[in-house]
Protein backbone atom coordinates (compact mmCIF):
# COMPACT_ATOMS: atom_id res chain seq x y z
CA MET A 1 2.59 -29.84 -2.90
CA LYS A 2 -0.88 -30.62 -1.64
CA LYS A 3 -1.86 -27.77 0.77
CA ILE A 4 -1.13 -24.18 0.68
CA ALA A 5 -1.95 -21.15 3.36
CA VAL A 6 -2.82 -17.64 2.50
CA MET A 7 -2.81 -14.70 4.70
CA THR A 8 -2.93 -11.01 4.81
CA THR A 9 -0.45 -9.14 6.99
CA GLY A 10 0.06 -5.58 8.11
CA GLY A 11 -2.32 -2.60 6.84
CA ASP A 12 -5.25 -3.21 4.85
CA ALA A 13 -5.09 -2.27 1.40
CA SER A 14 -8.10 -2.40 -1.24
CA GLY A 15 -7.92 -5.19 -3.43
CA MET A 16 -6.58 -7.69 -1.00
CA ASN A 17 -9.74 -9.51 -1.15
CA ALA A 18 -9.32 -10.01 -4.84
CA ALA A 19 -6.02 -11.49 -4.60
CA ILE A 20 -7.30 -14.02 -2.18
CA ARG A 21 -10.05 -14.59 -4.73
CA ALA A 22 -7.31 -15.50 -7.32
CA VAL A 23 -5.24 -17.60 -4.99
CA VAL A 24 -7.79 -19.68 -3.98
CA ARG A 25 -9.29 -20.41 -7.04
CA THR A 26 -6.17 -20.59 -8.85
CA ALA A 27 -4.96 -23.21 -6.19
CA ILE A 28 -8.19 -25.20 -6.25
CA SER A 29 -8.04 -25.37 -9.91
CA SER A 30 -4.64 -26.32 -9.90
CA GLY A 31 -5.68 -29.22 -7.23
CA LEU A 32 -4.15 -28.11 -3.99
CA GLU A 33 -5.91 -27.41 -0.77
CA VAL A 34 -6.24 -23.97 0.32
CA MET A 35 -6.52 -22.93 3.91
CA GLY A 36 -6.76 -19.29 5.12
CA ILE A 37 -5.09 -17.67 8.21
CA LEU A 38 -7.11 -15.23 10.12
CA GLU A 39 -5.54 -12.23 11.66
CA GLY A 40 -2.11 -12.80 9.68
CA LEU A 41 0.70 -13.43 11.79
CA HIS A 42 -0.96 -12.96 14.77
CA GLY A 43 -3.60 -15.50 13.50
CA LEU A 44 -0.88 -17.83 12.67
CA LEU A 45 0.33 -17.87 16.35
CA HIS A 46 -2.90 -18.68 17.94
CA ASN A 47 -3.70 -21.57 15.49
CA GLN A 48 -6.37 -19.65 13.48
CA PHE A 49 -6.88 -21.73 10.34
CA ILE A 50 -9.69 -21.88 8.07
CA GLY A 51 -10.67 -23.83 5.29
CA MET A 52 -11.36 -22.35 1.88
CA ASP A 53 -13.03 -23.56 -1.13
CA MET A 54 -14.54 -21.60 -4.29
CA ALA A 55 -17.86 -20.75 -2.44
CA SER A 56 -15.51 -19.01 0.55
CA VAL A 57 -14.22 -15.97 -1.94
CA GLY A 58 -17.75 -15.54 -4.02
CA GLY A 59 -18.72 -11.88 -4.18
CA ILE A 60 -15.59 -10.34 -2.68
CA ILE A 61 -14.00 -9.04 -5.79
CA ASN A 62 -15.26 -5.59 -5.11
CA ARG A 63 -14.89 -5.37 -1.61
CA GLY A 64 -12.55 -3.33 0.49
CA GLY A 65 -10.23 -4.65 3.29
CA THR A 66 -9.85 -8.28 3.88
CA ILE A 67 -12.07 -11.00 4.74
CA LEU A 68 -9.01 -12.87 6.42
CA HIS A 69 -8.60 -9.73 8.74
CA THR A 70 -5.29 -8.68 9.56
CA VAL A 71 -3.77 -8.12 12.87
CA ARG A 72 -0.28 -6.37 13.61
CA SER A 73 2.16 -9.10 15.93
CA LYS A 74 4.82 -7.76 17.83
CA ASP A 75 5.21 -11.18 19.30
CA PHE A 76 6.47 -12.63 16.12
CA HIS A 77 9.58 -10.78 16.36
CA LYS A 78 10.36 -13.70 19.43
CA LYS A 79 12.12 -16.65 17.90
CA GLU A 80 10.79 -18.99 21.00
CA VAL A 81 7.10 -17.56 20.14
CA ARG A 82 7.67 -18.49 16.49
CA LYS A 83 8.49 -21.87 16.98
CA ILE A 84 4.60 -22.16 18.36
CA ALA A 85 3.41 -20.90 14.71
CA TYR A 86 5.91 -23.27 13.13
CA ALA A 87 4.14 -26.00 15.16
CA TYR A 88 0.65 -25.33 13.79
CA LEU A 89 2.08 -25.17 10.23
CA LYS A 90 3.48 -28.53 10.58
CA ASP A 91 0.44 -30.17 12.28
CA ARG A 92 -1.81 -28.65 9.14
CA LYS A 93 0.49 -30.31 7.10
CA ILE A 94 1.03 -26.92 4.90
CA ASP A 95 3.34 -27.48 2.21
CA GLY A 96 3.57 -23.60 0.73
CA LEU A 97 2.86 -20.15 2.27
CA ILE A 98 1.29 -17.24 0.21
CA SER A 99 1.27 -13.61 2.24
CA ILE A 100 -0.20 -10.43 0.93
CA GLY A 101 0.94 -7.55 2.61
CA GLY A 102 3.47 -4.64 2.73
CA ASP A 103 7.26 -4.56 3.22
CA GLY A 104 7.08 -5.97 6.75
CA SER A 105 4.96 -8.54 5.81
CA ARG A 106 7.67 -9.52 3.16
CA GLN A 107 10.37 -9.75 5.70
CA GLY A 108 7.66 -11.85 7.99
CA LEU A 109 7.33 -14.53 5.41
CA TYR A 110 10.89 -14.71 4.31
CA CYS A 111 11.71 -15.45 8.09
CA ILE A 112 9.36 -18.16 8.22
CA THR A 113 10.81 -19.88 5.09
CA LYS A 114 14.24 -19.26 6.06
CA GLU A 115 13.34 -21.10 9.53
CA THR A 116 11.22 -23.97 8.71
CA GLY A 117 11.87 -24.40 5.20
CA ILE A 118 8.16 -23.89 3.41
CA PRO A 119 8.55 -22.19 0.46
CA SER A 120 6.51 -19.22 -0.12
CA CYS A 121 5.24 -16.43 -2.23
CA PHE A 122 4.86 -12.79 -1.39
CA ILE A 123 2.09 -10.53 -3.35
CA PRO A 124 2.88 -6.77 -2.39
CA ALA A 125 -0.11 -4.85 -1.36
CA SER A 126 0.10 -1.42 0.36
CA ILE A 127 -1.47 2.01 -0.42
CA ASP A 128 2.25 3.27 0.13
CA ASN A 129 3.48 1.82 -3.10
CA ASP A 130 7.15 1.69 -1.31
CA VAL A 131 7.88 -2.30 -1.86
CA TYR A 132 10.92 -2.10 -3.47
CA GLY A 133 10.79 -4.90 -6.69
CA THR A 134 7.47 -3.56 -8.12
CA ASP A 135 6.57 -0.56 -9.53
CA TYR A 136 3.03 -0.67 -8.13
CA THR A 137 1.22 -2.46 -5.24
CA ILE A 138 -2.02 -3.72 -5.03
CA GLY A 139 -4.13 -0.79 -3.40
CA PHE A 140 -2.23 1.99 -4.62
CA ASP A 141 -4.20 3.25 -7.40
CA SER A 142 -7.19 2.75 -4.88
CA ALA A 143 -5.86 5.03 -2.59
CA VAL A 144 -4.72 7.66 -5.07
CA ASN A 145 -8.30 7.79 -6.57
CA VAL A 146 -9.55 8.33 -3.20
CA GLY A 147 -7.47 11.75 -2.86
CA LEU A 148 -7.90 12.76 -6.45
CA ASP A 149 -11.73 12.78 -5.76
CA ALA A 150 -11.12 14.57 -2.53
CA ILE A 151 -9.09 17.07 -4.45
CA ASP A 152 -11.44 17.77 -7.29
CA LYS A 153 -14.40 18.61 -4.64
CA ILE A 154 -12.27 20.52 -2.33
CA ARG A 155 -11.04 22.74 -5.45
CA ASP A 156 -14.53 23.73 -5.80
CA THR A 157 -14.74 24.97 -2.39
CA ALA A 158 -11.38 26.42 -2.24
CA ALA A 159 -12.02 29.02 -5.38
CA SER A 160 -15.55 29.65 -4.01
CA HIS A 161 -14.33 31.15 -0.66
CA GLN A 162 -10.64 32.17 -2.14
CA ARG A 163 -8.67 30.00 0.26
CA ILE A 164 -5.73 27.80 0.29
CA PHE A 165 -6.38 24.21 1.15
CA ILE A 166 -4.02 21.62 2.48
CA VAL A 167 -4.89 18.34 1.88
CA GLU A 168 -3.13 15.55 4.11
CA VAL A 169 -2.62 12.38 2.62
CA MET A 170 -1.21 8.94 4.04
CA GLY A 171 2.43 8.47 3.96
CA ARG A 172 4.52 8.45 6.85
CA GLU A 173 7.77 7.46 5.56
CA HIS A 174 7.26 7.96 2.03
CA GLY A 175 5.44 10.49 -0.45
CA PHE A 176 4.22 8.12 -3.32
CA VAL A 177 0.61 8.59 -2.52
CA ALA A 178 0.91 12.33 -2.05
CA LEU A 179 2.81 12.88 -5.25
CA GLU A 180 0.54 11.07 -7.65
CA VAL A 181 -2.47 12.65 -5.91
CA GLY A 182 -1.08 16.20 -6.31
CA LEU A 183 0.63 15.37 -9.57
CA THR A 184 -2.77 14.55 -11.17
CA GLY A 185 -4.94 16.70 -8.96
CA GLY A 186 -3.19 19.88 -10.29
CA ALA A 187 -1.75 20.48 -6.80
CA GLU A 188 0.36 24.02 -6.54
CA LEU A 189 2.52 22.52 -3.96
CA ILE A 190 3.82 18.74 -3.02
CA LEU A 191 5.10 18.47 0.47
CA ILE A 192 6.77 14.78 0.78
CA PRO A 193 9.08 13.58 3.26
CA GLU A 194 11.81 12.67 0.56
CA PHE A 195 11.93 16.45 -0.19
CA LYS A 196 12.17 18.04 3.23
CA ARG A 197 14.64 20.58 2.04
CA ASP A 198 11.63 22.23 0.34
CA LEU A 199 9.88 22.83 3.36
CA ASN A 200 11.39 26.32 3.71
CA MET A 201 8.04 28.49 4.62
CA LYS A 202 9.43 31.43 3.37
CA LYS A 203 9.88 29.77 -0.21
CA ILE A 204 6.54 28.28 0.15
CA ALA A 205 4.77 31.71 1.01
CA GLU A 206 6.71 33.33 -1.99
CA ALA A 207 5.57 30.53 -4.32
CA LEU A 208 1.87 30.90 -3.19
CA ASN A 209 2.01 34.87 -3.06
CA ASN A 210 3.34 34.70 -6.77
CA GLY A 211 0.32 32.89 -7.68
CA ILE A 212 -2.04 35.34 -6.09
CA ARG A 213 -0.35 38.12 -8.07
CA ARG A 214 -0.59 36.07 -11.28
CA GLY A 215 -4.79 36.06 -10.42
CA LYS A 216 -5.23 32.60 -8.47
CA ASN A 217 -7.52 33.02 -5.97
CA SER A 218 -7.18 29.61 -4.44
CA SER A 219 -4.27 27.16 -4.03
CA ILE A 220 -4.07 23.25 -2.99
CA ILE A 221 -1.41 21.72 -1.17
CA VAL A 222 -0.92 18.01 -1.12
CA MET A 223 1.30 16.94 1.59
CA ALA A 224 2.13 13.39 3.33
CA GLU A 225 1.23 12.97 6.82
CA GLY A 226 5.02 12.15 7.33
CA VAL A 227 5.85 16.00 6.79
CA GLY A 228 4.13 17.17 9.83
CA ARG A 229 0.88 18.32 11.33
CA SER A 230 -1.35 19.91 8.39
CA SER A 231 -3.10 22.11 11.26
CA ASP A 232 -0.03 23.51 12.37
CA PHE A 233 1.22 23.91 8.78
CA ALA A 234 -2.23 25.88 8.02
CA LYS A 235 -1.50 28.53 10.70
CA LYS A 236 1.54 29.14 9.30
CA ILE A 237 0.94 29.35 5.99
CA GLU A 238 -2.12 31.73 6.78
CA MET A 239 0.41 33.91 8.68
CA ALA A 240 2.89 34.13 5.80
CA THR A 241 0.21 34.87 2.69
CA GLY A 242 -2.55 36.52 4.65
CA MET A 243 -4.91 34.28 2.69
CA GLU A 244 -7.45 32.14 4.82
CA THR A 245 -5.99 28.61 5.24
CA ARG A 246 -8.31 25.34 5.72
CA TYR A 247 -6.98 21.55 5.79
CA THR A 248 -8.17 18.24 5.48
CA VAL A 249 -6.89 15.05 6.63
CA LEU A 250 -7.96 12.11 4.33
CA GLY A 251 -6.53 9.45 6.68
CA TYR A 252 -8.17 5.97 6.83
CA ILE A 253 -10.40 7.00 4.30
CA GLN A 254 -7.78 5.97 1.52
CA ARG A 255 -7.43 2.37 2.46
CA GLY A 256 -11.20 1.66 2.39
CA GLY A 257 -13.80 1.33 -0.46
CA SER A 258 -14.03 -0.49 -3.63
CA PRO A 259 -10.81 -1.06 -5.30
CA THR A 260 -10.34 0.37 -8.69
CA ALA A 261 -9.75 -1.37 -11.98
CA MET A 262 -6.15 -1.18 -11.98
CA SER A 263 -5.96 -2.31 -8.12
CA ARG A 264 -8.47 -5.54 -9.14
CA LYS A 265 -6.52 -6.32 -12.24
CA LEU A 266 -2.90 -6.05 -10.27
CA ALA A 267 -4.50 -8.19 -7.68
CA LEU A 268 -6.03 -10.82 -9.65
CA THR A 269 -2.85 -11.25 -11.72
CA PHE A 270 -0.50 -11.35 -8.63
CA GLY A 271 -2.63 -14.09 -6.80
CA TYR A 272 -2.41 -16.33 -10.08
CA GLU A 273 1.07 -15.64 -10.89
CA ALA A 274 1.95 -16.38 -7.07
CA VAL A 275 0.21 -19.96 -6.87
CA LYS A 276 1.85 -20.91 -10.20
CA CYS A 277 4.98 -19.80 -8.71
CA LEU A 278 4.65 -21.56 -5.27
CA MET A 279 3.85 -24.99 -7.00
CA LYS A 280 7.51 -24.81 -8.70
CA LEU A 281 9.36 -23.82 -5.64
CA LYS A 282 11.61 -26.46 -3.61
CA LYS A 283 12.06 -26.33 0.07
CA LYS A 284 13.43 -22.90 1.60
CA GLN A 285 12.87 -21.16 -1.46
CA SER A 286 10.89 -17.86 -1.22
CA MET A 287 9.92 -15.47 -3.89
CA MET A 288 7.82 -12.11 -4.62
CA VAL A 289 5.70 -11.48 -7.48
CA GLY A 290 5.96 -7.81 -8.68
CA ILE A 291 5.23 -5.67 -11.83
CA GLN A 292 8.27 -3.84 -13.69
CA ALA A 293 7.66 -1.81 -16.96
CA ASN A 294 4.10 -3.40 -17.30
CA LYS A 295 5.47 -6.99 -17.09
CA VAL A 296 4.93 -9.41 -14.23
CA LYS A 297 8.26 -10.46 -12.62
CA VAL A 298 8.99 -13.04 -10.37
CA MET A 299 12.08 -12.55 -8.23
CA GLU A 300 13.92 -14.23 -5.27
CA MET A 301 12.89 -12.45 -2.06
CA LYS A 302 16.68 -12.45 -0.91
CA SER A 303 17.47 -9.83 -3.90
CA VAL A 304 14.83 -7.40 -2.87
CA LEU A 305 14.97 -7.37 1.10
CA GLY A 306 16.26 -4.72 2.83
CA ARG A 307 16.46 -2.37 -0.27
CA GLU A 308 14.28 0.94 -0.32
CA ARG A 309 11.79 2.20 -3.39
CA ALA A 310 13.12 5.53 -4.43
CA ILE A 311 10.56 8.20 -5.23
CA ASP A 312 10.53 9.44 -8.60
CA SER A 313 12.28 13.20 -8.51
CA ALA A 314 11.49 13.59 -12.28
CA GLU A 315 7.84 13.45 -11.40
CA TYR A 316 8.43 15.67 -8.21
CA ASN A 317 10.17 18.30 -10.39
CA MET A 318 7.59 18.06 -13.16
CA ASN A 319 5.13 19.28 -10.89
CA LYS A 320 6.91 22.33 -10.13
CA VAL A 321 6.62 23.33 -13.70
CA PHE A 322 2.75 22.87 -13.93
CA SER A 323 2.23 24.64 -10.93
CA LEU A 324 3.90 27.98 -12.00
């Protein structure tokens, strides 16, 4: 193996730049040439390759987003279009690929290896933390800390005005961010897509009213965006409890900003291990780097593809006890 390429795909996550830095510097230190693919799979389809050296990744460890940029590509789903991208990889003499991204990105990388034989290694980076095979993804801890900081500030306002506040966080299909933010932020209620059975307005109002009777003058509700519109939910809560209710949508603010120490360390470790793994691979091999029980694991992609990471119901139930 002489030359590898690295790209970031799917949604951005804070810590991606730290992972790029680790990949580039580990590869060059190991005697490999490195190219970056701008705009992910979209860039691959349009031959957007750039050379990368040690200096190209200087001063980026603390930056959010991705210096390689990322653009979602619908065209990559077409086999005849993918052949164009494969020709570019062949012309550039790419011997190995590393992709940094979420679950959809993992499937795209596996497809490339399956159809071209170019070995690959995947680095999980997603604020949703929903990639099967790893306990944590790059960017998750950073997104949680943005949400936690918001709750700490909103709680002061909620208490001052004796209000109920709904904080809507990202998570269209999964509630990992909402659960972590709600649990560590001391939320009275956590609403996530995985437990829609708990979205009973009568029971929610009863729980909030019980809190009021016990002397609480404010309450915080954390909900994942996949549950519904927080604006609509706020109106229902206000009608059911009689308490003034406000809502805040954090949205994309959770993706940006400097990565936390945990996100950086994870990114650096994953980037280093991905290069070391890639150098050992043979044609048609595709692997993924992850962390399980605080230990870095390298696993075959086919063993994790198509599997869904489940929410920790014990943590969800634990918050019910804390919020009594």
